[in-house]
Amino acid sequence: MTQAREDNALDLAGSQAGQAGARPSRRRRRFSVLTRRDKILLGLMVGFPLFLDLALIWGPALVSIGLSLTNWRNTQPLTWDNFVGLGNFERLASAYPPFWEGLKHNVLWFLVLMLIATPIGMFFAVLLDRDIKGSRFYQSIFYLPVVLSLAVIGIIWQLQYSADNGFIDAVLGFFNLPKPDWFGDPNINLWAALVAASWRHVGYIMVLYLAGLKSVDPSLREAASIDGANGRQTFQHVVFWVMMPINVVIVVITTIESLRAFDIVYIINQGKNGLELLSVLITNNSISEANLTGFGAAIAVVLLVISLVPIVIFLSWMMREDTSA
């Protein structure tokens, strides 16, 4: 009997000890590295940028998509009677010739920046990467247009093309050459604006590519030179392919630059008389005297869809690279 009592006492003590030992383990499970203040700060750091992204980017994009399905004018209330479905897009494709002109000019803008301005910027970057004398000075000179806004660049080149006191016409007059109407002739004013845009784009690409060239492993060039490759062959067969991520970024940036071009042509002549671009058509229809907000939103949606193509390609390429790594 006494032995049984002792056994029960030992069992009770063991169970109580087991419960006491289990309590710290449960407390350890509830323990968190982050304090309450840390969680609040983390929530603000994530939530506030997310709110700005939704409010300033995705919110207006969704509103534009909704307005593109209406014929709403911003001088009247928006009701269900304004809903027209895909009518605005049908009108763009069949009864609005400036749309196709603007789309053609955007494609031409992209081709000039991609095939002329971008290679020039890459060429300057390759030259400056050789640490030639005065390379810092040349970098500053070529990069200076990038610091300026496109509106200021448009004003600068408008003065350069001026028929009264412009530098270009002064040089042509000195050599007794004909002086074209740079911003009055619809056959050449787009090319004149592209010169101004390329002036800025060359410096932008030069800085990006120069930064990429500085990150290339010097041993790759040394190995190519040991194999007998000259400078051109080393860049063409080794350096260019090593810098493929930078090349993809440059293609995406150039595409976006060509699609969002607006400031220069609007400063010149409000994007008319041969300077029609999709971005200008959006402005002229949405907030001008026409007040065709729904129709302008339809053009904005088309531009949004076109802009998403290079972005989606770039993101898919980056995700594939991360997966393979």
C-alpha atoms as a PDB file:
ATOM      1  CA  MET A   1       0.000   0.000   0.000  1.00  0.00           C
ATOM      2  CA  THR A   2       2.792   2.347   0.917  1.00  0.00           C
ATOM      3  CA  GLN A   3       4.647   1.378  -2.237  1.00  0.00           C
ATOM      4  CA  ALA A   4       1.563   2.198  -4.378  1.00  0.00           C
ATOM      5  CA  ARG A   5       1.260   5.630  -2.770  1.00  0.00           C
ATOM      6  CA  GLU A   6       4.894   6.322  -3.476  1.00  0.00           C
ATOM      7  CA  ASP A   7       4.444   5.257  -7.111  1.00  0.00           C
ATOM      8  CA  ASN A   8       1.403   7.570  -7.495  1.00  0.00           C
ATOM      9  CA  ALA A   9       3.330  10.453  -5.965  1.00  0.00           C
ATOM     10  CA  LEU A  10       6.205   9.873  -8.358  1.00  0.00           C
ATOM     11  CA  ASP A  11       3.827   9.735 -11.337  1.00  0.00           C
ATOM     12  CA  LEU A  12       2.112  12.984 -10.231  1.00  0.00           C
ATOM     13  CA  ALA A  13       5.460  14.710  -9.749  1.00  0.00           C
ATOM     14  CA  GLY A  14       6.602  13.479 -13.164  1.00  0.00           C
ATOM     15  CA  SER A  15       3.466  14.749 -14.890  1.00  0.00           C
ATOM     16  CA  GLN A  16       3.769  18.133 -13.196  1.00  0.00           C
ATOM     17  CA  ALA A  17       7.425  18.329 -14.208  1.00  0.00           C
ATOM     18  CA  GLY A  18       6.479  17.397 -17.739  1.00  0.00           C
ATOM     19  CA  GLN A  19       3.859  20.162 -17.850  1.00  0.00           C
ATOM     20  CA  ALA A  20       6.355  22.627 -16.433  1.00  0.00           C
ATOM     21  CA  GLY A  21       8.847  21.598 -19.070  1.00  0.00           C
ATOM     22  CA  ALA A  22       6.251  21.896 -21.835  1.00  0.00           C
ATOM     23  CA  ARG A  23       5.334  25.471 -20.962  1.00  0.00           C
ATOM     24  CA  PRO A  24       8.694  27.005 -22.003  1.00  0.00           C
ATOM     25  CA  SER A  25       8.511  25.149 -25.308  1.00  0.00           C
ATOM     26  CA  ARG A  26       5.106  26.677 -26.032  1.00  0.00           C
ATOM     27  CA  ARG A  27       6.483  30.067 -25.089  1.00  0.00           C
ATOM     28  CA  ARG A  28       9.423  29.525 -27.423  1.00  0.00           C
ATOM     29  CA  ARG A  29       7.045  28.866 -30.283  1.00  0.00           C
ATOM     30  CA  ARG A  30       5.369  32.205 -29.672  1.00  0.00           C
ATOM     31  CA  PHE A  31       8.666  34.060 -29.577  1.00  0.00           C
ATOM     32  CA  SER A  32       9.325  36.371 -32.573  1.00  0.00           C
ATOM     33  CA  VAL A  33      12.524  38.079 -33.649  1.00  0.00           C
ATOM     34  CA  LEU A  34      10.559  41.169 -34.681  1.00  0.00           C
ATOM     35  CA  THR A  35       9.130  43.436 -32.050  1.00  0.00           C
ATOM     36  CA  ARG A  36       5.782  45.140 -32.405  1.00  0.00           C
ATOM     37  CA  ARG A  37       7.522  48.334 -33.457  1.00  0.00           C
ATOM     38  CA  ASP A  38       9.500  46.424 -36.104  1.00  0.00           C
ATOM     39  CA  LYS A  39       6.304  44.934 -37.500  1.00  0.00           C
ATOM     40  CA  ILE A  40       4.676  48.359 -37.716  1.00  0.00           C
ATOM     41  CA  LEU A  41       7.708  49.832 -39.489  1.00  0.00           C
ATOM     42  CA  LEU A  42       7.866  46.870 -41.869  1.00  0.00           C
ATOM     43  CA  GLY A  43       4.176  47.229 -42.632  1.00  0.00           C
ATOM     44  CA  LEU A  44       4.631  50.924 -43.391  1.00  0.00           C
ATOM     45  CA  MET A  45       7.704  50.286 -45.538  1.00  0.00           C
ATOM     46  CA  VAL A  46       5.819  47.731 -47.619  1.00  0.00           C
ATOM     47  CA  GLY A  47       2.324  49.140 -47.442  1.00  0.00           C
ATOM     48  CA  PHE A  48       3.046  52.780 -48.253  1.00  0.00           C
ATOM     49  CA  PRO A  49       4.965  52.123 -51.515  1.00  0.00           C
ATOM     50  CA  LEU A  50       2.306  49.562 -52.456  1.00  0.00           C
ATOM     51  CA  PHE A  51      -0.408  52.138 -51.835  1.00  0.00           C
ATOM     52  CA  LEU A  52       1.419  54.699 -53.996  1.00  0.00           C
ATOM     53  CA  ASP A  53       1.874  52.122 -56.740  1.00  0.00           C
ATOM     54  CA  LEU A  54      -1.819  51.260 -56.724  1.00  0.00           C
ATOM     55  CA  ALA A  55      -2.961  54.875 -56.428  1.00  0.00           C
ATOM     56  CA  LEU A  56      -0.637  56.483 -58.962  1.00  0.00           C
ATOM     57  CA  ILE A  57      -0.035  53.696 -61.507  1.00  0.00           C
ATOM     58  CA  TRP A  58      -2.525  50.864 -61.488  1.00  0.00           C
ATOM     59  CA  GLY A  59      -5.424  53.015 -60.365  1.00  0.00           C
ATOM     60  CA  PRO A  60      -5.175  55.492 -63.270  1.00  0.00           C
ATOM     61  CA  ALA A  61      -4.496  52.598 -65.660  1.00  0.00           C
ATOM     62  CA  LEU A  62      -7.699  50.826 -64.636  1.00  0.00           C
ATOM     63  CA  VAL A  63      -9.639  54.105 -64.793  1.00  0.00           C
ATOM     64  CA  SER A  64      -8.290  54.716 -68.316  1.00  0.00           C
ATOM     65  CA  ILE A  65      -9.405  51.245 -69.389  1.00  0.00           C
ATOM     66  CA  GLY A  66     -12.856  51.938 -68.024  1.00  0.00           C
ATOM     67  CA  LEU A  67     -13.103  55.366 -69.670  1.00  0.00           C
ATOM     68  CA  SER A  68     -11.944  53.929 -73.011  1.00  0.00           C
ATOM     69  CA  LEU A  69     -15.256  52.071 -73.174  1.00  0.00           C
ATOM     70  CA  THR A  70     -17.239  55.331 -73.001  1.00  0.00           C
ATOM     71  CA  ASN A  71     -17.747  58.461 -75.072  1.00  0.00           C
ATOM     72  CA  TRP A  72     -17.508  60.649 -71.992  1.00  0.00           C
ATOM     73  CA  ARG A  73     -16.488  64.307 -72.241  1.00  0.00           C
ATOM     74  CA  ASN A  74     -14.997  65.848 -69.120  1.00  0.00           C
ATOM     75  CA  THR A  75     -17.509  68.706 -69.268  1.00  0.00           C
ATOM     76  CA  GLN A  76     -20.505  66.469 -68.560  1.00  0.00           C
ATOM     77  CA  PRO A  77     -21.398  63.914 -65.874  1.00  0.00           C
ATOM     78  CA  LEU A  78     -20.457  60.292 -66.490  1.00  0.00           C
ATOM     79  CA  THR A  79     -23.480  57.955 -66.734  1.00  0.00           C
ATOM     80  CA  TRP A  80     -24.295  54.547 -68.182  1.00  0.00           C
ATOM     81  CA  ASP A  81     -25.547  56.309 -71.308  1.00  0.00           C
ATOM     82  CA  ASN A  82     -21.913  57.088 -72.139  1.00  0.00           C
ATOM     83  CA  PHE A  83     -20.993  53.410 -72.435  1.00  0.00           C
ATOM     84  CA  VAL A  84     -20.083  52.518 -76.035  1.00  0.00           C
ATOM     85  CA  GLY A  85     -18.107  49.299 -75.564  1.00  0.00           C
ATOM     86  CA  LEU A  86     -15.362  48.906 -78.157  1.00  0.00           C
ATOM     87  CA  GLY A  87     -16.703  51.739 -80.290  1.00  0.00           C
ATOM     88  CA  ASN A  88     -13.720  53.985 -79.629  1.00  0.00           C
ATOM     89  CA  PHE A  89     -11.281  51.302 -80.746  1.00  0.00           C
ATOM     90  CA  GLU A  90     -13.289  50.669 -83.918  1.00  0.00           C
ATOM     91  CA  ARG A  91     -13.173  54.388 -84.638  1.00  0.00           C
ATOM     92  CA  LEU A  92      -9.404  54.443 -84.078  1.00  0.00           C
ATOM     93  CA  ALA A  93      -8.876  51.644 -86.571  1.00  0.00           C
ATOM     94  CA  SER A  94     -11.242  52.848 -89.292  1.00  0.00           C
ATOM     95  CA  ALA A  95     -12.173  56.523 -88.982  1.00  0.00           C
ATOM     96  CA  TYR A  96      -9.254  58.337 -87.342  1.00  0.00           C
ATOM     97  CA  PRO A  97      -6.291  58.697 -89.740  1.00  0.00           C
ATOM     98  CA  PRO A  98      -4.029  60.541 -87.244  1.00  0.00           C
ATOM     99  CA  PHE A  99      -3.889  57.346 -85.178  1.00  0.00           C
ATOM    100  CA  TRP A 100      -2.069  55.412 -87.894  1.00  0.00           C
ATOM    101  CA  GLU A 101       0.187  58.390 -88.588  1.00  0.00           C
ATOM    102  CA  GLY A 102       1.059  58.617 -84.909  1.00  0.00           C
ATOM    103  CA  LEU A 103       1.700  54.871 -84.689  1.00  0.00           C
ATOM    104  CA  LYS A 104       3.953  55.042 -87.768  1.00  0.00           C
ATOM    105  CA  HIS A 105       5.874  57.967 -86.291  1.00  0.00           C
ATOM    106  CA  ASN A 106       6.355  56.092 -82.993  1.00  0.00           C
ATOM    107  CA  VAL A 107       7.728  53.094 -84.892  1.00  0.00           C
ATOM    108  CA  LEU A 108      10.046  55.392 -86.852  1.00  0.00           C
ATOM    109  CA  TRP A 109      11.111  57.048 -83.591  1.00  0.00           C
ATOM    110  CA  PHE A 110      12.001  53.626 -82.185  1.00  0.00           C
ATOM    111  CA  LEU A 111      13.947  52.580 -85.294  1.00  0.00           C
ATOM    112  CA  VAL A 112      16.041  55.755 -85.320  1.00  0.00           C
ATOM    113  CA  LEU A 113      16.852  55.537 -81.607  1.00  0.00           C
ATOM    114  CA  MET A 114      17.523  51.804 -81.792  1.00  0.00           C
ATOM    115  CA  LEU A 115      19.521  51.601 -85.036  1.00  0.00           C
ATOM    116  CA  ILE A 116      21.326  54.963 -85.036  1.00  0.00           C
ATOM    117  CA  ALA A 117      21.423  56.684 -81.633  1.00  0.00           C
ATOM    118  CA  THR A 118      21.954  53.540 -79.550  1.00  0.00           C
ATOM    119  CA  PRO A 119      24.943  52.224 -81.595  1.00  0.00           C
ATOM    120  CA  ILE A 120      26.527  55.688 -81.443  1.00  0.00           C
ATOM    121  CA  GLY A 121      26.169  55.720 -77.656  1.00  0.00           C
ATOM    122  CA  MET A 122      27.672  52.216 -77.454  1.00  0.00           C
ATOM    123  CA  PHE A 123      30.558  53.302 -79.699  1.00  0.00           C
ATOM    124  CA  PHE A 124      31.332  56.291 -77.472  1.00  0.00           C
ATOM    125  CA  ALA A 125      31.209  54.013 -74.413  1.00  0.00           C
ATOM    126  CA  VAL A 126      33.726  51.603 -75.973  1.00  0.00           C
ATOM    127  CA  LEU A 127      36.068  54.492 -76.794  1.00  0.00           C
ATOM    128  CA  LEU A 128      35.855  56.025 -73.324  1.00  0.00           C
ATOM    129  CA  ASP A 129      36.347  52.621 -71.702  1.00  0.00           C
ATOM    130  CA  ARG A 130      39.915  52.642 -73.048  1.00  0.00           C
ATOM    131  CA  ASP A 131      40.794  55.459 -70.620  1.00  0.00           C
ATOM    132  CA  ILE A 132      41.814  57.886 -73.327  1.00  0.00           C
ATOM    133  CA  LYS A 133      43.147  61.275 -72.347  1.00  0.00           C
ATOM    134  CA  GLY A 134      40.357  63.576 -71.204  1.00  0.00           C
ATOM    135  CA  SER A 135      37.818  60.735 -70.897  1.00  0.00           C
ATOM    136  CA  ARG A 136      36.228  62.345 -67.809  1.00  0.00           C
ATOM    137  CA  PHE A 137      35.699  65.567 -69.726  1.00  0.00           C
ATOM    138  CA  TYR A 138      34.133  63.747 -72.679  1.00  0.00           C
ATOM    139  CA  GLN A 139      31.861  61.768 -70.374  1.00  0.00           C
ATOM    140  CA  SER A 140      30.584  64.989 -68.830  1.00  0.00           C
ATOM    141  CA  ILE A 141      30.001  66.598 -72.233  1.00  0.00           C
ATOM    142  CA  PHE A 142      28.098  63.612 -73.638  1.00  0.00           C
ATOM    143  CA  TYR A 143      26.099  63.124 -70.459  1.00  0.00           C
ATOM    144  CA  LEU A 144      25.064  66.780 -70.104  1.00  0.00           C
ATOM    145  CA  PRO A 145      21.930  66.460 -72.338  1.00  0.00           C
ATOM    146  CA  VAL A 146      20.681  63.610 -70.134  1.00  0.00           C
ATOM    147  CA  VAL A 147      20.543  65.964 -67.140  1.00  0.00           C
ATOM    148  CA  LEU A 148      18.303  68.366 -69.063  1.00  0.00           C
ATOM    149  CA  SER A 149      14.594  67.710 -69.371  1.00  0.00           C
ATOM    150  CA  LEU A 150      13.115  66.925 -72.763  1.00  0.00           C
ATOM    151  CA  ALA A 151      11.193  70.197 -72.660  1.00  0.00           C
ATOM    152  CA  VAL A 152      14.440  72.163 -72.281  1.00  0.00           C
ATOM    153  CA  ILE A 153      16.033  70.122 -75.070  1.00  0.00           C
ATOM    154  CA  GLY A 154      13.075  70.943 -77.301  1.00  0.00           C
ATOM    155  CA  ILE A 155      13.543  74.664 -76.623  1.00  0.00           C
ATOM    156  CA  ILE A 156      17.299  74.438 -77.281  1.00  0.00           C
ATOM    157  CA  TRP A 157      16.849  72.735 -80.620  1.00  0.00           C
ATOM    158  CA  GLN A 158      13.998  75.010 -81.559  1.00  0.00           C
ATOM    159  CA  LEU A 159      16.482  77.861 -81.238  1.00  0.00           C
ATOM    160  CA  GLN A 160      19.075  75.909 -83.217  1.00  0.00           C
ATOM    161  CA  TYR A 161      16.614  75.402 -86.083  1.00  0.00           C
ATOM    162  CA  SER A 162      15.365  79.005 -85.966  1.00  0.00           C
ATOM    163  CA  ALA A 163      15.293  80.681 -89.378  1.00  0.00           C
ATOM    164  CA  ASP A 164      16.241  84.086 -87.949  1.00  0.00           C
ATOM    165  CA  ASN A 165      19.163  83.440 -85.612  1.00  0.00           C
ATOM    166  CA  GLY A 166      19.588  79.665 -85.546  1.00  0.00           C
ATOM    167  CA  PHE A 167      23.090  78.211 -85.701  1.00  0.00           C
ATOM    168  CA  ILE A 168      22.227  75.595 -88.356  1.00  0.00           C
ATOM    169  CA  ASP A 169      20.722  78.074 -90.814  1.00  0.00           C
ATOM    170  CA  ALA A 170      23.651  80.423 -90.184  1.00  0.00           C
ATOM    171  CA  VAL A 171      26.094  77.682 -91.210  1.00  0.00           C
ATOM    172  CA  LEU A 172      24.019  76.816 -94.289  1.00  0.00           C
ATOM    173  CA  GLY A 173      23.854  80.490 -95.246  1.00  0.00           C
ATOM    174  CA  PHE A 174      27.632  80.840 -94.878  1.00  0.00           C
ATOM    175  CA  PHE A 175      28.131  78.111 -97.498  1.00  0.00           C
ATOM    176  CA  ASN A 176      25.262  79.444 -99.666  1.00  0.00           C
ATOM    177  CA  LEU A 177      23.240  76.293 -99.167  1.00  0.00           C
ATOM    178  CA  PRO A 178      19.407  76.165 -99.179  1.00  0.00           C
ATOM    179  CA  LYS A 179      17.732  76.587 -95.810  1.00  0.00           C
ATOM    180  CA  PRO A 180      14.843  74.166 -95.282  1.00  0.00           C
ATOM    181  CA  ASP A 181      11.864  74.975 -93.099  1.00  0.00           C
ATOM    182  CA  TRP A 182      12.827  72.595 -90.322  1.00  0.00           C
ATOM    183  CA  PHE A 183       9.597  72.717 -88.338  1.00  0.00           C
ATOM    184  CA  GLY A 184       7.236  73.872 -91.067  1.00  0.00           C
ATOM    185  CA  ASP A 185       7.810  71.175 -93.671  1.00  0.00           C
ATOM    186  CA  PRO A 186       5.926  67.996 -92.628  1.00  0.00           C
ATOM    187  CA  ASN A 187       8.373  65.890 -94.638  1.00  0.00           C
ATOM    188  CA  ILE A 188      11.416  66.828 -92.562  1.00  0.00           C
ATOM    189  CA  ASN A 189      10.215  68.175 -89.203  1.00  0.00           C
ATOM    190  CA  LEU A 190       9.995  64.692 -87.692  1.00  0.00           C
ATOM    191  CA  TRP A 191      13.632  64.075 -88.631  1.00  0.00           C
ATOM    192  CA  ALA A 192      14.615  67.397 -87.102  1.00  0.00           C
ATOM    193  CA  ALA A 193      12.916  66.394 -83.848  1.00  0.00           C
ATOM    194  CA  LEU A 194      14.623  62.995 -83.958  1.00  0.00           C
ATOM    195  CA  VAL A 195      18.023  64.690 -84.086  1.00  0.00           C
ATOM    196  CA  ALA A 196      17.176  66.482 -80.841  1.00  0.00           C
ATOM    197  CA  ALA A 197      15.911  63.272 -79.211  1.00  0.00           C
ATOM    198  CA  SER A 198      18.972  61.323 -80.366  1.00  0.00           C
ATOM    199  CA  TRP A 199      21.272  63.992 -78.926  1.00  0.00           C
ATOM    200  CA  ARG A 200      19.968  63.140 -75.474  1.00  0.00           C
ATOM    201  CA  HIS A 201      19.612  59.397 -76.044  1.00  0.00           C
ATOM    202  CA  VAL A 202      23.256  58.955 -77.094  1.00  0.00           C
ATOM    203  CA  GLY A 203      24.520  60.221 -73.743  1.00  0.00           C
ATOM    204  CA  TYR A 204      22.052  58.076 -71.823  1.00  0.00           C
ATOM    205  CA  ILE A 205      23.094  54.874 -73.597  1.00  0.00           C
ATOM    206  CA  MET A 206      26.775  55.811 -73.310  1.00  0.00           C
ATOM    207  CA  VAL A 207      26.586  56.006 -69.505  1.00  0.00           C
ATOM    208  CA  LEU A 208      24.661  52.726 -69.186  1.00  0.00           C
ATOM    209  CA  TYR A 209      26.990  50.843 -71.500  1.00  0.00           C
ATOM    210  CA  LEU A 210      30.120  52.350 -69.983  1.00  0.00           C
ATOM    211  CA  ALA A 211      29.029  51.126 -66.554  1.00  0.00           C
ATOM    212  CA  GLY A 212      28.529  47.667 -68.025  1.00  0.00           C
ATOM    213  CA  LEU A 213      31.935  47.663 -69.696  1.00  0.00           C
ATOM    214  CA  LYS A 214      33.620  48.510 -66.391  1.00  0.00           C
ATOM    215  CA  SER A 215      32.141  45.339 -64.871  1.00  0.00           C
ATOM    216  CA  VAL A 216      33.514  42.975 -67.546  1.00  0.00           C
ATOM    217  CA  ASP A 217      36.212  40.632 -66.212  1.00  0.00           C
ATOM    218  CA  PRO A 218      39.583  41.813 -67.649  1.00  0.00           C
ATOM    219  CA  SER A 219      40.776  38.202 -67.853  1.00  0.00           C
ATOM    220  CA  LEU A 220      38.302  37.577 -70.681  1.00  0.00           C
ATOM    221  CA  ARG A 221      39.914  40.266 -72.800  1.00  0.00           C
ATOM    222  CA  GLU A 222      43.377  39.008 -71.930  1.00  0.00           C
ATOM    223  CA  ALA A 223      42.421  35.488 -72.977  1.00  0.00           C
ATOM    224  CA  ALA A 224      41.015  36.784 -76.274  1.00  0.00           C
ATOM    225  CA  SER A 225      44.169  38.800 -76.977  1.00  0.00           C
ATOM    226  CA  ILE A 226      46.320  35.723 -76.260  1.00  0.00           C
ATOM    227  CA  ASP A 227      44.256  33.824 -78.829  1.00  0.00           C
ATOM    228  CA  GLY A 228      45.126  36.526 -81.361  1.00  0.00           C
ATOM    229  CA  ALA A 229      41.883  38.529 -81.394  1.00  0.00           C
ATOM    230  CA  ASN A 230      42.091  42.266 -81.999  1.00  0.00           C
ATOM    231  CA  GLY A 231      39.982  44.891 -80.226  1.00  0.00           C
ATOM    232  CA  ARG A 232      37.034  44.660 -82.627  1.00  0.00           C
ATOM    233  CA  GLN A 233      36.969  40.873 -82.563  1.00  0.00           C
ATOM    234  CA  THR A 234      37.235  40.815 -78.762  1.00  0.00           C
ATOM    235  CA  PHE A 235      34.245  43.117 -78.425  1.00  0.00           C
ATOM    236  CA  GLN A 236      32.211  41.370 -81.130  1.00  0.00           C
ATOM    237  CA  HIS A 237      32.744  37.781 -79.970  1.00  0.00           C
ATOM    238  CA  VAL A 238      33.397  38.120 -76.224  1.00  0.00           C
ATOM    239  CA  VAL A 239      32.456  41.414 -74.562  1.00  0.00           C
ATOM    240  CA  PHE A 240      29.166  41.935 -76.407  1.00  0.00           C
ATOM    241  CA  TRP A 241      27.830  38.526 -75.351  1.00  0.00           C
ATOM    242  CA  VAL A 242      29.049  38.872 -71.773  1.00  0.00           C
ATOM    243  CA  MET A 243      27.070  42.122 -71.592  1.00  0.00           C
ATOM    244  CA  MET A 244      23.845  40.549 -72.838  1.00  0.00           C
ATOM    245  CA  PRO A 245      21.879  41.614 -69.696  1.00  0.00           C
ATOM    246  CA  ILE A 246      22.881  45.248 -70.329  1.00  0.00           C
ATOM    247  CA  ASN A 247      21.950  44.862 -74.006  1.00  0.00           C
ATOM    248  CA  VAL A 248      18.470  43.639 -73.074  1.00  0.00           C
ATOM    249  CA  VAL A 249      17.995  46.547 -70.652  1.00  0.00           C
ATOM    250  CA  ILE A 250      19.061  49.004 -73.367  1.00  0.00           C
ATOM    251  CA  VAL A 251      16.527  47.544 -75.821  1.00  0.00           C
ATOM    252  CA  VAL A 252      13.735  47.862 -73.236  1.00  0.00           C
ATOM    253  CA  ILE A 253      14.746  51.422 -72.307  1.00  0.00           C
ATOM    254  CA  THR A 254      14.939  52.477 -75.964  1.00  0.00           C
ATOM    255  CA  THR A 255      11.494  51.020 -76.650  1.00  0.00           C
ATOM    256  CA  ILE A 256       9.963  52.840 -73.695  1.00  0.00           C
ATOM    257  CA  GLU A 257      11.714  56.094 -74.655  1.00  0.00           C
ATOM    258  CA  SER A 258      10.299  55.903 -78.187  1.00  0.00           C
ATOM    259  CA  LEU A 259       6.773  55.223 -76.928  1.00  0.00           C
ATOM    260  CA  ARG A 260       6.671  57.956 -74.293  1.00  0.00           C
ATOM    261  CA  ALA A 261       8.181  60.648 -76.519  1.00  0.00           C
ATOM    262  CA  PHE A 262       6.095  63.774 -76.008  1.00  0.00           C
ATOM    263  CA  ASP A 263       7.903  66.841 -74.684  1.00  0.00           C
ATOM    264  CA  ILE A 264      10.045  67.689 -77.710  1.00  0.00           C
ATOM    265  CA  VAL A 265       7.320  67.499 -80.342  1.00  0.00           C
ATOM    266  CA  TYR A 266       4.802  69.295 -78.140  1.00  0.00           C
ATOM    267  CA  ILE A 267       7.231  72.154 -77.542  1.00  0.00           C
ATOM    268  CA  ILE A 268       7.872  72.452 -81.281  1.00  0.00           C
ATOM    269  CA  ASN A 269       4.320  72.669 -82.643  1.00  0.00           C
ATOM    270  CA  GLN A 270       1.989  70.768 -80.286  1.00  0.00           C
ATOM    271  CA  GLY A 271       2.643  67.558 -82.231  1.00  0.00           C
ATOM    272  CA  LYS A 272       0.985  68.664 -85.458  1.00  0.00           C
ATOM    273  CA  ASN A 273       1.987  69.043 -89.097  1.00  0.00           C
ATOM    274  CA  GLY A 274       3.912  65.779 -89.379  1.00  0.00           C
ATOM    275  CA  LEU A 275       4.875  65.393 -85.703  1.00  0.00           C
ATOM    276  CA  GLU A 276       1.891  63.322 -84.598  1.00  0.00           C
ATOM    277  CA  LEU A 277       2.732  60.778 -81.895  1.00  0.00           C
ATOM    278  CA  LEU A 278       0.401  58.591 -79.846  1.00  0.00           C
ATOM    279  CA  SER A 279       1.230  60.467 -76.648  1.00  0.00           C
ATOM    280  CA  VAL A 280       0.371  63.789 -78.312  1.00  0.00           C
ATOM    281  CA  LEU A 281      -2.904  62.407 -79.678  1.00  0.00           C
ATOM    282  CA  ILE A 282      -3.875  61.396 -76.140  1.00  0.00           C
ATOM    283  CA  THR A 283      -3.306  64.942 -74.901  1.00  0.00           C
ATOM    284  CA  ASN A 284      -4.991  66.627 -77.861  1.00  0.00           C
ATOM    285  CA  ASN A 285      -8.124  64.512 -77.478  1.00  0.00           C
ATOM    286  CA  SER A 286      -8.371  64.336 -73.698  1.00  0.00           C
ATOM    287  CA  ILE A 287      -7.537  67.780 -72.305  1.00  0.00           C
ATOM    288  CA  SER A 288      -7.784  70.069 -75.304  1.00  0.00           C
ATOM    289  CA  GLU A 289     -10.811  71.874 -76.674  1.00  0.00           C
ATOM    290  CA  ALA A 290     -12.152  68.565 -78.045  1.00  0.00           C
ATOM    291  CA  ASN A 291     -12.730  67.186 -74.517  1.00  0.00           C
ATOM    292  CA  LEU A 292     -12.993  63.644 -75.910  1.00  0.00           C
ATOM    293  CA  THR A 293     -11.831  62.026 -72.697  1.00  0.00           C
ATOM    294  CA  GLY A 294     -13.138  58.555 -73.523  1.00  0.00           C
ATOM    295  CA  PHE A 295     -11.612  58.595 -76.997  1.00  0.00           C
ATOM    296  CA  GLY A 296      -8.279  59.832 -75.645  1.00  0.00           C
ATOM    297  CA  ALA A 297      -8.376  57.080 -73.008  1.00  0.00           C
ATOM    298  CA  ALA A 298      -8.764  54.518 -75.812  1.00  0.00           C
ATOM    299  CA  ILE A 299      -5.527  55.768 -77.402  1.00  0.00           C
ATOM    300  CA  ALA A 300      -3.873  55.590 -73.972  1.00  0.00           C
ATOM    301  CA  VAL A 301      -4.952  51.964 -73.588  1.00  0.00           C
ATOM    302  CA  VAL A 302      -3.458  51.094 -76.976  1.00  0.00           C
ATOM    303  CA  LEU A 303      -0.208  52.767 -75.946  1.00  0.00           C
ATOM    304  CA  LEU A 304      -0.302  50.903 -72.614  1.00  0.00           C
ATOM    305  CA  VAL A 305      -0.696  47.534 -74.344  1.00  0.00           C
ATOM    306  CA  ILE A 306       2.185  48.292 -76.719  1.00  0.00           C
ATOM    307  CA  SER A 307       4.366  49.414 -73.796  1.00  0.00           C
ATOM    308  CA  LEU A 308       3.678  46.219 -71.856  1.00  0.00           C
ATOM    309  CA  VAL A 309       5.128  44.028 -74.613  1.00  0.00           C
ATOM    310  CA  PRO A 310       8.844  44.861 -74.039  1.00  0.00           C
ATOM    311  CA  ILE A 311       8.320  44.964 -70.267  1.00  0.00           C
ATOM    312  CA  VAL A 312       6.762  41.485 -70.199  1.00  0.00           C
ATOM    313  CA  ILE A 313       9.514  40.134 -72.459  1.00  0.00           C
ATOM    314  CA  PHE A 314      12.177  41.631 -70.196  1.00  0.00           C
ATOM    315  CA  LEU A 315      10.602  40.290 -66.994  1.00  0.00           C
ATOM    316  CA  SER A 316      10.137  36.816 -68.470  1.00  0.00           C
ATOM    317  CA  TRP A 317      13.763  36.820 -69.582  1.00  0.00           C
ATOM    318  CA  MET A 318      14.936  37.891 -66.129  1.00  0.00           C
ATOM    319  CA  MET A 319      12.835  35.208 -64.440  1.00  0.00           C
ATOM    320  CA  ARG A 320      14.191  32.567 -66.802  1.00  0.00           C
ATOM    321  CA  GLU A 321      17.752  33.686 -66.024  1.00  0.00           C
ATOM    322  CA  ASP A 322      17.084  33.496 -62.273  1.00  0.00           C
ATOM    323  CA  THR A 323      15.566  30.021 -62.631  1.00  0.00           C
ATOM    324  CA  SER A 324      18.497  28.719 -64.676  1.00  0.00           C
ATOM    325  CA  ALA A 325      20.952  30.178 -62.152  1.00  0.00           C
END
